[in-house]
């Protein structure tokens, strides 16, 4: 199962504070978008980890994830400056992701138990 949301940083912080089950640092992985690149581009996470894509660029980006040539998530809109898109991946395996606006921007999420 995959969940994706687009949040401003302020909305994310408020949502995290309001959550009944606090997230530990191990439950969140952050990928920054800066200088038209994902950093880190490749991340290793456990199933159920929330992956945050935080856009620090002045231009909008979109995030698209694929497994086996099949799209499994896409940010609903372009993610603007200082906005965050979050996705939770529960299926074990590798997810290749890229920017839908700038297809040369690529990365990989490896999901394990």
Foldseek 3Di string as FASTA:
>chain_A
DKDKDKFFPVRVVVVQVPDPDHDDPLQEAEWEQDPNETVVQEEEHEAFRKYKYFYQDQAWWKKWKDDPNHTDDIYPDTHHHRMIMIMGGHDAAKIKMATPVDRVHIGMYGYHD
